[in-house]
N, C-alpha and C. Protein backbone atom coordinates (compact mmCIF):
# COMPACT_ATOMS: atom_id res chain seq x y z
N UNK A 1 0.81 -1.19 0.00
CA UNK A 1 0.00 0.00 0.00
C UNK A 1 0.86 1.27 0.00
N UNK A 2 1.96 1.25 0.71
CA UNK A 2 2.84 2.40 0.78
C UNK A 2 3.53 2.66 -0.55
N UNK A 3 3.91 1.63 -1.24
CA UNK A 3 4.58 1.81 -2.53
C UNK A 3 3.64 2.38 -3.57
N UNK A 4 2.36 2.06 -3.45
CA UNK A 4 1.38 2.60 -4.39
C UNK A 4 1.25 4.10 -4.21
N UNK A 5 1.19 4.59 -2.98
CA UNK A 5 1.09 6.02 -2.71
C UNK A 5 2.36 6.74 -3.16
N UNK A 6 3.51 6.14 -2.91
CA UNK A 6 4.77 6.75 -3.33
C UNK A 6 4.86 6.82 -4.85
N UNK A 7 4.36 5.81 -5.53
CA UNK A 7 4.37 5.80 -6.99
C UNK A 7 3.44 6.88 -7.53
N UNK A 8 2.29 7.07 -6.89
CA UNK A 8 1.37 8.11 -7.34
C UNK A 8 1.97 9.50 -7.19
N UNK A 9 2.65 9.75 -6.08
CA UNK A 9 3.28 11.05 -5.88
C UNK A 9 4.47 11.24 -6.82
N UNK A 10 5.18 10.19 -7.11
CA UNK A 10 6.33 10.29 -8.01
C UNK A 10 5.90 10.66 -9.42
N UNK A 11 4.70 10.31 -9.80
CA UNK A 11 4.24 10.65 -11.15
C UNK A 11 3.99 12.15 -11.29
N UNK A 12 3.85 12.86 -10.16
CA UNK A 12 3.65 14.31 -10.20
C UNK A 12 4.97 15.09 -10.15
N UNK A 13 6.08 14.41 -10.01
CA UNK A 13 7.37 15.07 -9.91
C UNK A 13 7.68 15.99 -11.10
N UNK A 14 7.45 15.59 -12.35
CA UNK A 14 7.71 16.53 -13.47
C UNK A 14 6.87 17.80 -13.38
N UNK A 15 5.64 17.68 -12.92
CA UNK A 15 4.78 18.86 -12.78
C UNK A 15 5.35 19.81 -11.73
N UNK A 16 5.77 19.26 -10.60
CA UNK A 16 6.36 20.10 -9.56
C UNK A 16 7.65 20.76 -10.03
N UNK A 17 8.44 20.05 -10.81
CA UNK A 17 9.68 20.62 -11.34
C UNK A 17 9.38 21.79 -12.28
N UNK A 18 8.40 21.64 -13.12
CA UNK A 18 8.04 22.72 -14.06
C UNK A 18 7.51 23.93 -13.30
N UNK A 19 6.68 23.69 -12.28
CA UNK A 19 6.15 24.80 -11.49
C UNK A 19 7.28 25.53 -10.77
N UNK A 20 8.21 24.79 -10.19
CA UNK A 20 9.33 25.41 -9.49
C UNK A 20 10.23 26.19 -10.47
N UNK A 21 10.41 25.67 -11.68
CA UNK A 21 11.20 26.39 -12.68
C UNK A 21 10.51 27.70 -13.05
N UNK A 22 9.20 27.68 -13.22
CA UNK A 22 8.45 28.89 -13.57
C UNK A 22 8.53 29.92 -12.45
N UNK A 23 8.35 29.49 -11.21
CA UNK A 23 8.41 30.42 -10.08
C UNK A 23 9.82 30.99 -9.95
N UNK A 24 10.84 30.15 -10.06
CA UNK A 24 12.22 30.61 -9.95
C UNK A 24 12.55 31.61 -11.06
N UNK A 25 12.13 31.32 -12.27
CA UNK A 25 12.39 32.22 -13.40
C UNK A 25 11.70 33.56 -13.17
N UNK A 26 10.47 33.55 -12.69
CA UNK A 26 9.73 34.80 -12.46
C UNK A 26 10.39 35.63 -11.38
N UNK A 27 10.71 35.00 -10.26
CA UNK A 27 11.34 35.74 -9.15
C UNK A 27 12.71 36.26 -9.57
N UNK A 28 13.48 35.46 -10.29
CA UNK A 28 14.80 35.89 -10.74
C UNK A 28 14.70 37.08 -11.68
N UNK A 29 13.75 37.07 -12.59
CA UNK A 29 13.58 38.21 -13.51
C UNK A 29 13.23 39.49 -12.76
N UNK A 30 12.32 39.40 -11.82
CA UNK A 30 11.93 40.59 -11.06
C UNK A 30 13.10 41.09 -10.22
N UNK A 31 13.80 40.17 -9.56
CA UNK A 31 14.93 40.57 -8.72
C UNK A 31 16.05 41.20 -9.55
N UNK A 32 16.37 40.59 -10.70
CA UNK A 32 17.43 41.16 -11.54
C UNK A 32 17.03 42.51 -12.13
N UNK A 33 15.77 42.69 -12.42
CA UNK A 33 15.32 43.98 -12.94
C UNK A 33 15.46 45.05 -11.87
N UNK A 34 15.09 44.70 -10.64
CA UNK A 34 15.22 45.68 -9.57
C UNK A 34 16.67 45.99 -9.25
N UNK A 35 17.55 45.00 -9.34
CA UNK A 35 18.96 45.21 -9.02
C UNK A 35 19.75 45.88 -10.14
N UNK A 36 19.54 45.43 -11.37
CA UNK A 36 20.36 45.89 -12.49
C UNK A 36 19.71 46.95 -13.37
N UNK A 37 18.40 47.10 -13.26
CA UNK A 37 17.69 48.02 -14.15
C UNK A 37 17.97 49.47 -13.83
N UNK A 38 17.73 50.37 -14.80
CA UNK A 38 17.94 51.79 -14.55
C UNK A 38 16.93 52.32 -13.53
N UNK A 39 17.38 53.26 -12.73
CA UNK A 39 16.52 53.85 -11.72
C UNK A 39 16.32 55.32 -12.06
N UNK A 40 15.26 55.60 -12.77
CA UNK A 40 14.95 56.96 -13.19
C UNK A 40 13.66 57.40 -12.52
N UNK A 41 13.71 58.47 -11.80
CA UNK A 41 12.52 59.03 -11.19
C UNK A 41 12.28 60.41 -11.80
N UNK A 42 11.06 60.87 -11.68
CA UNK A 42 10.76 62.21 -12.17
C UNK A 42 9.40 62.27 -12.83
N UNK A 43 9.09 63.45 -13.37
CA UNK A 43 7.79 63.68 -13.97
C UNK A 43 7.61 62.87 -15.26
N UNK A 44 8.66 62.76 -16.04
CA UNK A 44 8.56 62.05 -17.31
C UNK A 44 8.28 60.58 -17.08
N UNK A 45 8.87 60.02 -16.04
CA UNK A 45 8.70 58.59 -15.76
C UNK A 45 7.28 58.26 -15.30
N UNK A 46 6.60 59.22 -14.68
CA UNK A 46 5.29 58.93 -14.09
C UNK A 46 4.12 59.24 -15.02
N UNK A 47 4.35 59.86 -16.18
CA UNK A 47 3.22 60.18 -17.06
C UNK A 47 2.87 58.96 -17.92
N UNK A 48 1.67 58.99 -18.46
CA UNK A 48 1.20 57.89 -19.32
C UNK A 48 1.97 57.90 -20.64
N UNK A 49 2.28 56.72 -21.15
CA UNK A 49 3.03 56.59 -22.40
C UNK A 49 2.09 56.07 -23.47
N UNK A 50 1.95 56.81 -24.54
CA UNK A 50 1.05 56.42 -25.61
C UNK A 50 1.73 56.65 -26.94
N UNK A 51 2.23 55.62 -27.55
CA UNK A 51 2.79 55.66 -28.90
C UNK A 51 3.97 56.60 -29.04
N UNK A 52 4.70 56.86 -28.00
CA UNK A 52 5.86 57.71 -28.10
C UNK A 52 5.56 59.18 -28.17
N UNK A 53 4.29 59.56 -28.01
CA UNK A 53 3.91 60.97 -28.06
C UNK A 53 3.54 61.45 -26.67
N UNK A 54 3.79 62.71 -26.40
CA UNK A 54 3.37 63.28 -25.13
C UNK A 54 1.86 63.40 -25.10
N UNK A 55 1.24 63.08 -23.97
CA UNK A 55 -0.22 63.18 -23.90
C UNK A 55 -0.67 64.64 -23.96
N UNK A 56 -1.70 64.85 -24.77
CA UNK A 56 -2.26 66.19 -24.94
C UNK A 56 -3.74 66.12 -24.63
N UNK A 57 -4.21 66.99 -23.78
CA UNK A 57 -5.63 67.02 -23.47
C UNK A 57 -6.01 66.01 -22.40
N UNK A 58 -7.29 65.82 -22.28
CA UNK A 58 -7.81 64.93 -21.24
C UNK A 58 -8.13 63.55 -21.81
N UNK A 59 -8.22 62.59 -20.95
CA UNK A 59 -8.57 61.23 -21.37
C UNK A 59 -10.07 61.04 -21.42
N UNK A 60 -10.83 62.03 -21.07
CA UNK A 60 -12.29 61.93 -21.01
C UNK A 60 -12.95 62.38 -22.30
N UNK A 61 -12.35 62.06 -23.43
CA UNK A 61 -12.87 62.45 -24.73
C UNK A 61 -14.02 61.54 -25.13
N UNK A 62 -15.05 62.11 -25.71
CA UNK A 62 -16.20 61.31 -26.15
C UNK A 62 -15.97 60.82 -27.58
N UNK A 63 -16.38 59.57 -27.79
CA UNK A 63 -16.26 58.97 -29.11
C UNK A 63 -17.65 58.74 -29.68
N UNK A 64 -17.71 58.70 -30.98
CA UNK A 64 -18.98 58.41 -31.64
C UNK A 64 -19.38 56.97 -31.35
N UNK A 65 -20.66 56.72 -31.25
CA UNK A 65 -21.17 55.38 -30.96
C UNK A 65 -20.79 54.42 -32.07
N UNK A 66 -20.56 54.93 -33.25
CA UNK A 66 -20.20 54.09 -34.39
C UNK A 66 -18.96 53.24 -34.11
N UNK A 67 -18.00 53.78 -33.38
CA UNK A 67 -16.79 53.02 -33.06
C UNK A 67 -17.12 51.80 -32.20
N UNK A 68 -18.02 51.98 -31.25
CA UNK A 68 -18.39 50.87 -30.38
C UNK A 68 -19.20 49.82 -31.14
N UNK A 69 -20.04 50.25 -32.05
CA UNK A 69 -20.83 49.30 -32.82
C UNK A 69 -19.93 48.52 -33.77
N UNK A 70 -18.93 49.18 -34.35
CA UNK A 70 -17.97 48.46 -35.19
C UNK A 70 -17.24 47.41 -34.36
N UNK A 71 -16.87 47.77 -33.14
CA UNK A 71 -16.20 46.80 -32.26
C UNK A 71 -17.12 45.62 -31.95
N UNK A 72 -18.39 45.88 -31.71
CA UNK A 72 -19.32 44.79 -31.41
C UNK A 72 -19.53 43.90 -32.63
N UNK A 73 -19.62 44.50 -33.81
CA UNK A 73 -19.77 43.69 -35.03
C UNK A 73 -18.52 42.85 -35.26
N UNK A 74 -17.36 43.42 -35.00
CA UNK A 74 -16.11 42.64 -35.10
C UNK A 74 -16.14 41.46 -34.15
N UNK A 75 -16.57 41.69 -32.91
CA UNK A 75 -16.65 40.60 -31.94
C UNK A 75 -17.64 39.53 -32.38
N UNK A 76 -18.77 39.94 -32.93
CA UNK A 76 -19.77 38.98 -33.41
C UNK A 76 -19.16 38.08 -34.48
N UNK A 77 -18.45 38.67 -35.43
CA UNK A 77 -17.91 37.86 -36.51
C UNK A 77 -16.68 37.06 -36.09
N UNK A 78 -15.93 37.55 -35.13
CA UNK A 78 -14.81 36.74 -34.65
C UNK A 78 -15.31 35.54 -33.87
N UNK A 79 -16.39 35.71 -33.10
CA UNK A 79 -16.99 34.58 -32.40
C UNK A 79 -17.60 33.61 -33.42
N UNK A 80 -18.15 34.15 -34.49
CA UNK A 80 -18.70 33.29 -35.54
C UNK A 80 -17.61 32.42 -36.14
N UNK A 81 -16.46 32.99 -36.40
CA UNK A 81 -15.36 32.21 -36.97
C UNK A 81 -14.90 31.13 -36.00
N UNK A 82 -14.85 31.49 -34.71
CA UNK A 82 -14.40 30.52 -33.71
C UNK A 82 -15.31 29.30 -33.69
N UNK A 83 -16.61 29.50 -33.88
CA UNK A 83 -17.53 28.37 -33.86
C UNK A 83 -17.76 27.75 -35.23
N UNK A 84 -17.65 28.54 -36.28
CA UNK A 84 -17.99 28.05 -37.60
C UNK A 84 -16.89 27.20 -38.23
N UNK A 85 -15.65 27.56 -38.02
CA UNK A 85 -14.55 26.82 -38.65
C UNK A 85 -14.46 25.38 -38.14
N UNK A 86 -14.50 25.14 -36.83
CA UNK A 86 -14.48 23.73 -36.41
C UNK A 86 -15.70 22.95 -36.88
N UNK A 87 -16.85 23.61 -36.92
CA UNK A 87 -18.05 22.93 -37.41
C UNK A 87 -17.88 22.57 -38.89
N UNK A 88 -17.35 23.51 -39.68
CA UNK A 88 -17.18 23.26 -41.11
C UNK A 88 -16.16 22.15 -41.36
N UNK A 89 -15.18 22.03 -40.50
CA UNK A 89 -14.18 20.97 -40.66
C UNK A 89 -14.78 19.62 -40.31
N UNK A 90 -15.61 19.57 -39.28
CA UNK A 90 -16.15 18.29 -38.79
C UNK A 90 -17.40 17.85 -39.54
N UNK A 91 -18.14 18.78 -40.15
CA UNK A 91 -19.43 18.41 -40.73
C UNK A 91 -19.33 17.46 -41.92
N UNK A 92 -18.35 17.58 -42.81
CA UNK A 92 -18.30 16.62 -43.93
C UNK A 92 -18.11 15.17 -43.48
N UNK A 93 -17.58 14.95 -42.28
CA UNK A 93 -17.38 13.60 -41.78
C UNK A 93 -18.62 13.02 -41.12
N UNK A 94 -19.63 13.84 -40.91
CA UNK A 94 -20.86 13.36 -40.26
C UNK A 94 -21.68 12.61 -41.30
N UNK A 95 -22.22 11.49 -40.88
CA UNK A 95 -23.06 10.71 -41.77
C UNK A 95 -24.34 11.49 -42.06
N UNK A 96 -24.67 11.67 -43.32
CA UNK A 96 -25.83 12.48 -43.70
C UNK A 96 -27.14 11.86 -43.23
N UNK A 97 -27.16 10.57 -43.02
CA UNK A 97 -28.40 9.92 -42.62
C UNK A 97 -28.55 9.84 -41.10
N UNK A 98 -27.54 10.30 -40.38
CA UNK A 98 -27.63 10.25 -38.92
C UNK A 98 -28.69 11.24 -38.44
N UNK A 99 -29.44 10.88 -37.42
CA UNK A 99 -30.51 11.77 -36.96
C UNK A 99 -29.99 13.10 -36.42
N UNK A 100 -28.79 13.14 -35.87
CA UNK A 100 -28.26 14.39 -35.32
C UNK A 100 -27.70 15.33 -36.36
N UNK A 101 -27.41 14.85 -37.56
CA UNK A 101 -26.78 15.69 -38.57
C UNK A 101 -27.70 16.82 -39.02
N UNK A 102 -28.95 16.53 -39.22
CA UNK A 102 -29.90 17.56 -39.65
C UNK A 102 -30.11 18.57 -38.54
N UNK A 103 -30.15 18.09 -37.31
CA UNK A 103 -30.32 18.99 -36.17
C UNK A 103 -29.14 19.96 -36.08
N UNK A 104 -27.91 19.47 -36.24
CA UNK A 104 -26.75 20.34 -36.18
C UNK A 104 -26.70 21.29 -37.36
N UNK A 105 -27.20 20.86 -38.51
CA UNK A 105 -27.26 21.76 -39.66
C UNK A 105 -28.20 22.93 -39.37
N UNK A 106 -29.36 22.65 -38.77
CA UNK A 106 -30.29 23.73 -38.43
C UNK A 106 -29.73 24.62 -37.33
N UNK A 107 -28.98 24.05 -36.42
CA UNK A 107 -28.37 24.87 -35.38
C UNK A 107 -27.36 25.85 -35.97
N UNK A 108 -26.54 25.39 -36.88
CA UNK A 108 -25.54 26.29 -37.45
C UNK A 108 -26.20 27.32 -38.37
N UNK A 109 -27.27 26.94 -39.05
CA UNK A 109 -28.00 27.91 -39.87
C UNK A 109 -28.64 28.98 -38.99
N UNK A 110 -29.16 28.59 -37.82
CA UNK A 110 -29.71 29.57 -36.88
C UNK A 110 -28.61 30.50 -36.38
N UNK A 111 -27.45 29.93 -36.10
CA UNK A 111 -26.31 30.74 -35.65
C UNK A 111 -25.91 31.74 -36.73
N UNK A 112 -25.84 31.29 -37.98
CA UNK A 112 -25.50 32.21 -39.07
C UNK A 112 -26.57 33.28 -39.24
N UNK A 113 -27.82 32.91 -39.05
CA UNK A 113 -28.91 33.87 -39.16
C UNK A 113 -28.76 34.97 -38.11
N UNK A 114 -28.41 34.60 -36.88
CA UNK A 114 -28.25 35.62 -35.84
C UNK A 114 -27.08 36.55 -36.14
N UNK A 115 -26.01 36.04 -36.71
CA UNK A 115 -24.90 36.92 -37.05
C UNK A 115 -25.24 37.83 -38.23
N UNK A 116 -26.02 37.34 -39.16
CA UNK A 116 -26.46 38.19 -40.27
C UNK A 116 -27.38 39.30 -39.76
N UNK A 117 -28.21 38.98 -38.77
CA UNK A 117 -29.06 40.01 -38.16
C UNK A 117 -28.20 41.10 -37.53
N UNK A 118 -27.12 40.72 -36.86
CA UNK A 118 -26.21 41.71 -36.27
C UNK A 118 -25.56 42.56 -37.35
N UNK A 119 -25.17 41.95 -38.45
CA UNK A 119 -24.58 42.70 -39.55
C UNK A 119 -25.58 43.68 -40.16
N UNK A 120 -26.80 43.23 -40.39
CA UNK A 120 -27.84 44.10 -40.96
C UNK A 120 -28.15 45.25 -40.02
N UNK A 121 -28.18 44.98 -38.72
CA UNK A 121 -28.40 46.04 -37.74
C UNK A 121 -27.32 47.10 -37.84
N UNK A 122 -26.07 46.68 -37.89
CA UNK A 122 -24.97 47.63 -38.03
C UNK A 122 -25.03 48.39 -39.34
N UNK A 123 -25.41 47.72 -40.41
CA UNK A 123 -25.51 48.38 -41.72
C UNK A 123 -26.61 49.43 -41.72
N UNK A 124 -27.75 49.10 -41.12
CA UNK A 124 -28.87 50.07 -41.08
C UNK A 124 -28.56 51.26 -40.18
N UNK A 125 -27.75 51.05 -39.16
CA UNK A 125 -27.36 52.16 -38.29
C UNK A 125 -26.31 53.04 -38.96
N UNK A 126 -25.78 52.62 -40.09
CA UNK A 126 -24.80 53.42 -40.81
C UNK A 126 -23.39 53.26 -40.28
N UNK A 127 -23.14 52.13 -39.66
CA UNK A 127 -21.82 51.90 -39.08
C UNK A 127 -20.74 51.82 -40.13
N UNK A 128 -21.04 51.25 -41.27
CA UNK A 128 -20.02 50.99 -42.28
C UNK A 128 -19.85 52.15 -43.26
N UNK A 129 -20.50 53.26 -43.01
CA UNK A 129 -20.34 54.44 -43.86
C UNK A 129 -19.36 55.38 -43.19
N UNK A 130 -18.24 55.58 -43.81
CA UNK A 130 -17.20 56.46 -43.26
C UNK A 130 -17.22 57.77 -44.05
N UNK A 131 -17.86 58.76 -43.47
CA UNK A 131 -17.98 60.06 -44.15
C UNK A 131 -16.83 60.97 -43.78
């Protein structure tokens, strides 16, 4: 009974070694950065850095709603790709006469319909018109 427990724990040894390597590497990087890194204090060091340009104005600028709708449409279509590509790869291997195949076909058609509705909504709101 004791050898069985020791064997079970021994199988976790590679996992513990990898975790210890990761922790050691992280702590060593932080310690070396604090010891060897440049120590610059001042106003320039504490301001926000944006694309190498000095910040001008306030961060409380209002954006047109169109930007947010474009972002939502992008998210809708990226989620569509995440679900559609694996389905398209696996569907040709499904037996056409299987009872679940037709059900999955209707499910993916419903999914495509909902994404088309999102696209039409964005189009009608004028999201894709850049004046």
